Amino acid sequence: MQLDLIITNIGQLLPMDKEGPVKGSNMNDLTVWENAALGIKDGKVVWIGSNDEINQVESDQMIDANGKLVTPGLVEPHTHLVFGGSREKEMALKQQGVPYLEILKQGGGILSTVQATREASYEDLVEKALFHLDRMAMHGITTVEAKSGYGLDRETELKQLQAVKEANANHPLDVVSTFLGAHAVPSEYKHDPEAFLDRMADMFAEIKAENLAEFVDIFTETGVFTVEQSRRYLQKAKDHGFGVKIHADEIDPLGGTELAVEMGAISGDHLAVTSDEGIKQLADSNTIGVILPGTSFYLGKEEYARAREMINAGAAISISTDFNPGSCVTENLQLIMSIAALKLKLSPEEIWHAVTVNAAHAIGRGSEAGSLTIGRKADVVIWDAPNYLYIPYHYGVNHTNTVIKNGEILYQRQEIR
């Protein structure tokens, strides 16, 4: 067999070979190949075997993994990739204990980013998005979800979605687009959020026609949108052929998780204060809980999502950075893996499922990303680690050695001498 690329001397290979989403106790069951080799042709994984069997294949290019860990590229299922400006001045307010909803009332939070995004040029938004995608790639991420939501008007929301589309076309990473026009109530609609939701829903046909988003999301929360408002809005999105997602139960347990299940949402995201009933319904559904522990960490909260209880109940869980300019300013999903171990009490096996196969299913890429089985995209990471336990253990640094996207080397760590 003639291959384009073969990776030899793999210490541990995680194929992530379970049909997903992987739920409950099955998230602890991890396939590990040792002393392995992996072959790539035409951008696909075509051969996996023992390192002793590499004499059966020939390759144009060979990478010696030198006993390192090899996994699928990480999948990032929840980001706010495209935005203008930054909000470093808010850190002092947070350190003083000012609640986020209070910052929002003062015109900060989302609304300050909205203003900066409205003022930013399209070219600047694209350039900034490409910069952040580069960082994500260097940290081992190969597939990314990207939300709009910092426009809150037709012109800027479309500008964001078009910037996501252009970034996807001009960057090696795969970028999945979500329309989050219902991210907050803009000041001009603060007394009539229903009219604002109607305005955002009026954009559905245009967004669908121009292929600017696959999913529609809404922030269901106190001071933003109610469960009933969210239900009507998401039903309109479904009627236009979109998949739906919900920012649910982040601050107050309003029943957003239950709504996500009711609406058949592909994911319910945040879930920091989900109720017992919400956990039960999530476990009995096909909706994936996307947990964002970096947000709780960055905001200095003591309470984290009950991910341990969700898995014990039988739910499928993913984890994500929630990369955004206000409540989790990092592109480093590896750091979030460590926080998931320390604060969510997830096992290493559960964490790996949460950043690969389950994350892929949470953004509609379950048949393409998050696995290194035969016929899948050759999105591969070689880690500067001897085994899969090491990544969440050694926190706060970048363990990426080599990133391969669609069979091509995208990034390699450079040694300093």
Protein backbone atom coordinates (compact mmCIF):
# COMPACT_ATOMS: atom_id res chain seq x y z
CA MET A 1 0.00 0.00 0.00
CA GLN A 2 1.38 3.39 -1.03
CA LEU A 3 0.60 6.20 1.42
CA ASP A 4 1.13 9.94 1.42
CA LEU A 5 2.20 10.06 5.07
CA ILE A 6 2.81 7.57 7.83
CA ILE A 7 3.29 8.32 11.53
CA THR A 8 5.48 5.68 13.16
CA ASN A 9 6.60 4.86 16.71
CA ILE A 10 3.38 6.11 18.32
CA GLY A 11 3.56 5.50 22.06
CA GLN A 12 -0.20 5.73 22.54
CA LEU A 13 -2.84 6.24 19.84
CA LEU A 14 -6.37 7.27 20.77
CA PRO A 15 -8.60 6.43 17.78
CA MET A 16 -11.76 7.63 19.61
CA ASP A 17 -13.55 4.87 17.76
CA LYS A 18 -16.92 4.73 19.53
CA GLU A 19 -20.02 5.75 17.63
CA GLY A 20 -21.07 8.99 19.20
CA PRO A 21 -22.27 10.81 20.97
CA VAL A 22 -20.78 8.79 23.79
CA LYS A 23 -23.03 8.90 26.84
CA GLY A 24 -22.77 8.28 30.56
CA SER A 25 -20.44 5.57 31.79
CA ASN A 26 -19.35 4.80 28.22
CA MET A 27 -17.33 8.02 28.34
CA ASN A 28 -14.92 6.19 30.66
CA ASP A 29 -14.29 3.42 28.13
CA LEU A 30 -11.33 4.52 26.01
CA THR A 31 -9.59 2.51 23.29
CA VAL A 32 -5.79 2.86 23.48
CA TRP A 33 -3.39 1.46 20.88
CA GLU A 34 0.24 1.18 21.98
CA ASN A 35 3.32 0.87 19.77
CA ALA A 36 1.14 1.93 16.85
CA ALA A 37 1.46 3.47 13.40
CA LEU A 38 -1.05 5.43 11.32
CA GLY A 39 -1.20 5.90 7.55
CA ILE A 40 -2.74 8.77 5.58
CA LYS A 41 -3.67 9.05 1.91
CA ASP A 42 -5.63 11.77 0.09
CA GLY A 43 -6.30 13.55 3.36
CA LYS A 44 -7.90 10.50 5.00
CA VAL A 45 -6.88 7.91 7.55
CA VAL A 46 -6.48 4.70 5.53
CA TRP A 47 -4.37 2.41 7.71
CA ILE A 48 -3.81 1.81 11.43
CA GLY A 49 -1.63 -0.97 12.71
CA SER A 50 1.21 -2.01 14.93
CA ASN A 51 4.50 -0.24 14.44
CA ASP A 52 5.94 -3.68 13.68
CA GLU A 53 3.73 -3.84 10.59
CA ILE A 54 4.98 -0.73 8.79
CA ASN A 55 6.99 -2.85 6.40
CA GLN A 56 3.63 -3.69 4.80
CA VAL A 57 3.18 -0.11 3.60
CA GLU A 58 5.20 2.47 1.73
CA SER A 59 4.93 6.23 2.13
CA ASP A 60 6.11 9.43 0.47
CA GLN A 61 6.64 11.01 3.89
CA MET A 62 7.27 9.64 7.37
CA ILE A 63 7.01 11.21 10.82
CA ASP A 64 8.64 9.46 13.77
CA ALA A 65 6.44 10.12 16.81
CA ASN A 66 9.25 8.96 19.13
CA GLY A 67 6.86 7.29 21.56
CA LYS A 68 4.56 10.33 21.88
CA LEU A 69 0.77 10.44 22.26
CA VAL A 70 -1.27 10.77 19.05
CA THR A 71 -4.96 11.74 19.00
CA PRO A 72 -7.57 13.25 16.70
CA GLY A 73 -7.49 17.00 16.37
CA LEU A 74 -9.42 18.66 19.17
CA VAL A 75 -12.91 19.93 18.37
CA GLU A 76 -13.95 23.30 19.81
CA PRO A 77 -17.79 23.37 19.99
CA HIS A 78 -18.53 26.83 21.43
CA THR A 79 -16.69 30.06 20.57
CA HIS A 80 -17.50 33.69 19.90
CA LEU A 81 -14.74 33.97 17.33
CA VAL A 82 -15.56 37.23 15.54
CA PHE A 83 -15.65 40.42 17.59
CA GLY A 84 -14.20 43.89 17.78
CA GLY A 85 -12.12 45.35 20.59
CA SER A 86 -11.36 43.83 23.99
CA ARG A 87 -12.59 44.22 27.57
CA GLU A 88 -9.55 44.08 29.82
CA LYS A 89 -10.87 47.04 31.85
CA GLU A 90 -13.71 44.86 33.16
CA MET A 91 -11.33 42.55 35.00
CA ALA A 92 -10.99 45.03 37.88
CA LEU A 93 -14.79 45.21 38.22
CA LYS A 94 -15.01 41.45 38.36
CA GLN A 95 -12.28 41.34 40.98
CA GLN A 96 -14.35 43.78 43.05
CA GLY A 97 -17.25 41.34 42.88
CA VAL A 98 -19.49 43.32 40.54
CA PRO A 99 -21.95 40.77 39.07
CA TYR A 100 -21.98 40.32 35.32
CA LEU A 101 -25.63 41.32 35.03
CA GLU A 102 -24.76 44.60 36.78
CA ILE A 103 -21.89 45.22 34.36
CA LEU A 104 -24.36 44.58 31.56
CA LYS A 105 -26.83 47.11 32.97
CA GLN A 106 -24.05 49.72 33.02
CA GLY A 107 -23.50 49.28 29.29
CA GLY A 108 -20.49 47.00 29.69
CA GLY A 109 -20.27 43.31 29.03
CA ILE A 110 -21.75 42.22 25.75
CA LEU A 111 -22.95 45.72 24.93
CA SER A 112 -19.46 47.22 24.93
CA THR A 113 -18.29 44.51 22.54
CA VAL A 114 -21.36 45.16 20.41
CA GLN A 115 -20.32 48.78 20.02
CA ALA A 116 -16.73 47.83 19.13
CA THR A 117 -17.92 45.22 16.64
CA ARG A 118 -20.32 47.64 14.99
CA GLU A 119 -17.46 50.09 14.56
CA ALA A 120 -14.93 47.54 13.28
CA SER A 121 -14.37 47.14 9.57
CA TYR A 122 -15.16 43.84 7.89
CA GLU A 123 -11.49 43.42 6.98
CA ASP A 124 -10.40 43.94 10.58
CA LEU A 125 -12.89 41.35 11.83
CA VAL A 126 -11.65 38.77 9.34
CA GLU A 127 -8.00 39.47 10.16
CA LYS A 128 -8.68 39.18 13.90
CA ALA A 129 -10.61 35.93 13.43
CA LEU A 130 -7.75 34.42 11.41
CA PHE A 131 -5.32 35.39 14.18
CA HIS A 132 -7.39 33.56 16.80
CA LEU A 133 -7.82 30.54 14.53
CA ASP A 134 -4.03 30.37 14.19
CA ARG A 135 -3.72 30.22 17.97
CA MET A 136 -6.37 27.55 18.21
CA ALA A 137 -4.57 25.49 15.57
CA MET A 138 -1.29 25.79 17.46
CA HIS A 139 -3.08 24.38 20.53
CA GLY A 140 -4.26 21.29 18.66
CA ILE A 141 -7.75 22.37 17.58
CA THR A 142 -8.73 21.41 14.03
CA THR A 143 -12.51 22.08 13.97
CA VAL A 144 -14.19 25.16 15.49
CA GLU A 145 -17.73 26.44 16.01
CA ALA A 146 -18.06 30.23 15.67
CA LYS A 147 -21.02 32.34 16.77
CA SER A 148 -22.12 35.81 15.78
CA GLY A 149 -23.96 37.83 18.43
CA TYR A 150 -21.93 41.00 18.85
CA GLY A 151 -23.92 43.00 16.32
CA LEU A 152 -27.49 42.87 17.57
CA ASP A 153 -28.55 44.57 14.37
CA ARG A 154 -28.98 43.28 10.85
CA GLU A 155 -25.92 44.96 9.33
CA THR A 156 -23.40 43.90 11.97
CA GLU A 157 -24.74 40.39 12.47
CA LEU A 158 -24.44 39.78 8.73
CA LYS A 159 -20.95 41.31 8.82
CA GLN A 160 -19.95 38.84 11.52
CA LEU A 161 -21.45 35.84 9.72
CA GLN A 162 -19.76 36.85 6.46
CA ALA A 163 -16.47 37.21 8.35
CA VAL A 164 -16.89 33.67 9.71
CA LYS A 165 -17.57 32.39 6.19
CA GLU A 166 -14.48 34.12 4.81
CA ALA A 167 -12.32 32.90 7.69
CA ASN A 168 -13.49 29.36 6.99
CA ALA A 169 -12.62 29.76 3.32
CA ASN A 170 -9.16 31.19 4.04
CA HIS A 171 -7.97 29.13 7.00
CA PRO A 172 -7.12 25.41 7.13
CA LEU A 173 -9.35 24.81 10.15
CA ASP A 174 -12.98 23.84 9.58
CA VAL A 175 -15.26 26.53 10.98
CA VAL A 176 -18.93 25.82 11.71
CA SER A 177 -21.13 28.93 11.82
CA THR A 178 -23.91 29.72 14.31
CA PHE A 179 -26.22 32.76 14.21
CA LEU A 180 -26.51 34.19 17.73
CA GLY A 181 -28.32 37.42 16.94
CA ALA A 182 -30.36 36.84 20.12
CA HIS A 183 -27.31 37.21 22.37
CA ALA A 184 -28.56 40.21 24.34
CA VAL A 185 -31.24 42.88 24.19
CA PRO A 186 -29.74 46.03 22.62
CA SER A 187 -30.43 49.31 24.37
CA GLU A 188 -32.76 50.49 21.61
CA TYR A 189 -35.05 47.49 22.25
CA LYS A 190 -34.72 47.20 26.03
CA HIS A 191 -38.46 47.87 26.51
CA ASP A 192 -39.54 45.58 23.66
CA PRO A 193 -37.40 42.41 23.41
CA GLU A 194 -40.16 40.68 21.43
CA ALA A 195 -39.76 43.22 18.62
CA PHE A 196 -36.02 42.63 18.64
CA LEU A 197 -36.47 38.86 18.35
CA ASP A 198 -38.83 39.42 15.44
CA ARG A 199 -36.16 41.59 13.81
CA MET A 200 -33.56 38.85 14.22
CA ALA A 201 -35.96 36.16 12.98
CA ASP A 202 -36.62 38.24 9.88
CA MET A 203 -32.99 37.51 8.93
CA PHE A 204 -33.41 33.71 8.88
CA ALA A 205 -34.37 33.42 5.22
CA GLU A 206 -31.47 35.60 4.07
CA ILE A 207 -28.95 33.75 6.26
CA LYS A 208 -30.17 30.41 4.96
CA ALA A 209 -30.15 31.55 1.32
CA GLU A 210 -26.56 32.82 1.60
CA ASN A 211 -25.41 29.77 3.59
CA LEU A 212 -24.09 31.95 6.40
CA ALA A 213 -24.97 29.68 9.33
CA GLU A 214 -25.98 26.10 10.12
CA PHE A 215 -27.32 26.75 13.61
CA VAL A 216 -29.34 29.36 15.46
CA ASP A 217 -28.63 30.04 19.15
CA ILE A 218 -30.28 32.21 21.83
CA PHE A 219 -29.29 33.37 25.31
CA THR A 220 -32.10 32.19 27.60
CA GLU A 221 -31.41 33.98 30.86
CA THR A 222 -32.70 36.46 33.43
CA GLY A 223 -32.63 39.94 31.92
CA VAL A 224 -32.18 38.58 28.42
CA PHE A 225 -34.78 36.21 26.89
CA THR A 226 -37.39 34.10 28.65
CA VAL A 227 -38.04 30.43 28.04
CA GLU A 228 -41.25 31.22 26.17
CA GLN A 229 -39.59 33.87 24.00
CA SER A 230 -36.78 31.42 23.26
CA ARG A 231 -39.22 28.65 22.37
CA ARG A 232 -41.02 30.77 19.78
CA TYR A 233 -37.77 32.08 18.30
CA LEU A 234 -36.14 28.67 18.00
CA GLN A 235 -39.25 27.18 16.45
CA LYS A 236 -39.05 29.83 13.73
CA ALA A 237 -35.40 28.88 13.21
CA LYS A 238 -36.31 25.20 12.88
CA ASP A 239 -39.07 26.09 10.42
CA HIS A 240 -36.37 27.72 8.26
CA GLY A 241 -34.26 24.55 8.35
CA PHE A 242 -31.66 25.51 10.98
CA GLY A 243 -30.37 23.29 13.73
CA VAL A 244 -30.77 24.95 17.12
CA LYS A 245 -28.62 25.52 20.19
CA ILE A 246 -29.32 27.30 23.49
CA HIS A 247 -27.20 29.27 25.94
CA ALA A 248 -29.02 27.66 28.87
CA ASP A 249 -29.03 27.90 32.67
CA GLU A 250 -25.82 29.90 32.92
CA ILE A 251 -26.77 32.22 35.79
CA ASP A 252 -30.31 31.32 36.89
CA PRO A 253 -32.03 27.93 36.49
CA LEU A 254 -34.89 29.09 34.26
CA GLY A 255 -35.42 25.74 32.54
CA GLY A 256 -33.20 26.35 29.54
CA THR A 257 -31.85 22.81 29.67
CA GLU A 258 -35.37 21.40 29.56
CA LEU A 259 -36.17 23.71 26.65
CA ALA A 260 -33.08 22.50 24.77
CA VAL A 261 -34.33 18.92 25.13
CA GLU A 262 -37.90 19.89 24.20
CA MET A 263 -36.74 21.66 21.04
CA GLY A 264 -34.43 18.82 20.01
CA ALA A 265 -31.45 21.16 20.21
CA ILE A 266 -28.17 19.64 19.13
CA SER A 267 -26.65 21.13 22.28
CA GLY A 268 -27.49 22.99 25.45
CA ASP A 269 -24.51 25.14 26.41
CA HIS A 270 -23.21 26.43 29.78
CA LEU A 271 -25.65 24.48 32.06
CA ALA A 272 -23.89 25.90 35.12
CA VAL A 273 -27.02 25.83 37.29
CA THR A 274 -29.12 23.15 35.60
CA SER A 275 -31.81 21.64 37.83
CA ASP A 276 -32.17 17.97 38.80
CA GLU A 277 -35.03 17.69 36.34
CA GLY A 278 -32.91 19.30 33.63
CA ILE A 279 -30.15 16.77 34.20
CA LYS A 280 -32.63 13.90 34.01
CA GLN A 281 -34.14 15.17 30.77
CA LEU A 282 -30.71 15.80 29.27
CA ALA A 283 -29.66 12.23 30.05
CA ASP A 284 -32.82 10.86 28.40
CA SER A 285 -32.28 12.89 25.22
CA ASN A 286 -29.93 13.19 22.25
CA THR A 287 -29.01 16.78 23.21
CA ILE A 288 -25.36 17.19 24.19
CA GLY A 289 -24.43 19.28 27.20
CA VAL A 290 -21.59 21.64 26.27
CA ILE A 291 -19.94 22.62 29.55
CA LEU A 292 -17.79 25.76 29.77
CA PRO A 293 -15.75 25.51 32.98
CA GLY A 294 -13.29 28.17 31.86
CA THR A 295 -16.07 30.74 32.14
CA SER A 296 -16.80 29.82 35.76
CA PHE A 297 -13.06 29.89 36.44
CA TYR A 298 -12.45 33.27 34.77
CA LEU A 299 -15.42 34.88 36.51
CA GLY A 300 -14.18 33.63 39.88
CA LYS A 301 -17.24 31.53 40.60
CA GLU A 302 -17.24 28.77 43.19
CA GLU A 303 -20.09 26.93 41.50
CA TYR A 304 -19.37 24.85 38.41
CA ALA A 305 -21.72 22.90 36.19
CA ARG A 306 -22.74 19.53 37.60
CA ALA A 307 -21.02 17.63 34.81
CA ARG A 308 -20.20 14.71 37.09
CA GLU A 309 -23.88 14.25 37.90
CA MET A 310 -24.85 14.65 34.24
CA ILE A 311 -22.52 11.84 33.18
CA ASN A 312 -23.61 9.65 36.10
CA ALA A 313 -27.22 10.17 34.96
CA GLY A 314 -26.29 9.01 31.45
CA ALA A 315 -25.88 12.27 29.52
CA ALA A 316 -23.42 13.04 26.72
CA ILE A 317 -21.07 15.86 27.72
CA SER A 318 -18.64 18.02 25.79
CA ILE A 319 -16.37 20.79 27.05
CA SER A 320 -15.27 24.01 25.39
CA THR A 321 -13.37 27.22 26.02
CA ASP A 322 -16.32 29.57 25.33
CA PHE A 323 -13.61 31.77 23.79
CA ASN A 324 -14.93 35.33 23.96
CA PRO A 325 -13.68 38.79 24.98
CA GLY A 326 -15.53 39.06 28.27
CA SER A 327 -15.90 35.86 30.27
CA CYS A 328 -13.26 33.42 28.95
CA VAL A 329 -10.39 34.95 27.05
CA THR A 330 -8.39 31.91 25.97
CA GLU A 331 -7.91 29.82 22.84
CA ASN A 332 -6.24 27.06 24.90
CA LEU A 333 -8.63 24.10 25.08
CA GLN A 334 -5.88 22.11 26.81
CA LEU A 335 -6.19 24.44 29.81
CA ILE A 336 -9.94 23.81 29.87
CA MET A 337 -9.23 20.08 29.94
CA SER A 338 -7.27 20.62 33.15
CA ILE A 339 -10.02 22.75 34.67
CA ALA A 340 -12.51 20.02 33.78
CA ALA A 341 -10.41 17.52 35.70
CA LEU A 342 -9.90 19.76 38.73
CA LYS A 343 -13.28 21.49 39.01
CA LEU A 344 -15.75 19.25 37.17
CA LYS A 345 -14.09 16.08 38.54
CA LEU A 346 -14.05 14.45 35.11
CA SER A 347 -11.74 11.53 34.46
CA PRO A 348 -9.09 11.77 31.72
CA GLU A 349 -11.09 9.28 29.65
CA GLU A 350 -14.24 11.41 29.92
CA ILE A 351 -12.29 14.53 29.05
CA TRP A 352 -10.90 13.05 25.85
CA HIS A 353 -14.38 12.04 24.72
CA ALA A 354 -15.57 15.55 25.61
CA VAL A 355 -13.05 17.32 23.34
CA THR A 356 -13.21 14.95 20.38
CA VAL A 357 -16.15 12.75 19.43
CA ASN A 358 -18.80 14.42 21.62
CA ALA A 359 -17.63 17.91 20.69
CA ALA A 360 -17.88 16.95 17.02
CA HIS A 361 -21.45 15.73 17.48
CA ALA A 362 -22.33 18.95 19.33
CA ILE A 363 -21.69 20.93 16.13
CA GLY A 364 -23.00 18.47 13.56
CA ARG A 365 -19.60 17.06 12.58
CA GLY A 366 -19.89 13.66 14.22
CA SER A 367 -19.25 11.80 10.96
CA GLU A 368 -16.18 13.87 10.03
CA ALA A 369 -14.22 15.11 13.04
CA GLY A 370 -13.14 13.84 16.43
CA SER A 371 -12.04 10.34 15.42
CA LEU A 372 -9.11 8.60 13.73
CA THR A 373 -10.95 5.65 12.26
CA ILE A 374 -10.48 4.42 8.70
CA GLY A 375 -11.99 6.79 6.16
CA ARG A 376 -12.14 9.81 8.46
CA LYS A 377 -10.39 13.11 7.82
CA ALA A 378 -6.75 12.92 8.79
CA ASP A 379 -6.93 15.61 11.49
CA VAL A 380 -4.17 14.45 13.80
CA VAL A 381 -2.22 15.84 16.74
CA ILE A 382 1.12 14.54 17.97
CA TRP A 383 1.61 15.66 21.57
CA ASP A 384 4.73 16.28 23.61
CA ALA A 385 3.38 13.77 26.12
CA PRO A 386 3.96 10.07 26.75
CA ASN A 387 0.30 9.19 27.35
CA TYR A 388 -3.22 10.59 27.41
CA LEU A 389 -3.19 11.12 31.17
CA TYR A 390 -0.46 13.73 30.86
CA ILE A 391 -2.34 16.51 29.01
CA PRO A 392 -4.85 17.46 31.75
CA TYR A 393 -2.22 16.73 34.42
CA HIS A 394 0.42 19.26 33.27
CA TYR A 395 -1.70 22.39 33.04
CA GLY A 396 -1.35 25.86 31.60
CA VAL A 397 1.10 25.10 28.78
CA ASN A 398 0.86 24.05 25.15
CA HIS A 399 1.68 20.36 24.68
CA THR A 400 1.24 20.38 20.90
CA ASN A 401 4.16 19.01 18.92
CA THR A 402 2.66 18.56 15.45
CA VAL A 403 -0.80 19.33 14.01
CA ILE A 404 -1.90 17.64 10.78
CA LYS A 405 -5.03 18.93 9.05
CA ASN A 406 -6.58 16.97 6.18
CA GLY A 407 -3.35 15.00 5.89
CA GLU A 408 -1.09 18.06 5.62
CA ILE A 409 1.29 19.29 8.31
CA LEU A 410 -0.18 22.54 9.59
CA TYR A 411 1.97 23.28 12.63
CA GLN A 412 5.17 21.95 14.20
CA ARG A 413 6.72 23.09 17.45
CA GLN A 414 10.09 24.74 16.95
CA GLU A 415 12.88 24.03 19.39
CA ILE A 416 14.81 26.97 20.84
CA ARG A 417 18.58 26.62 20.95
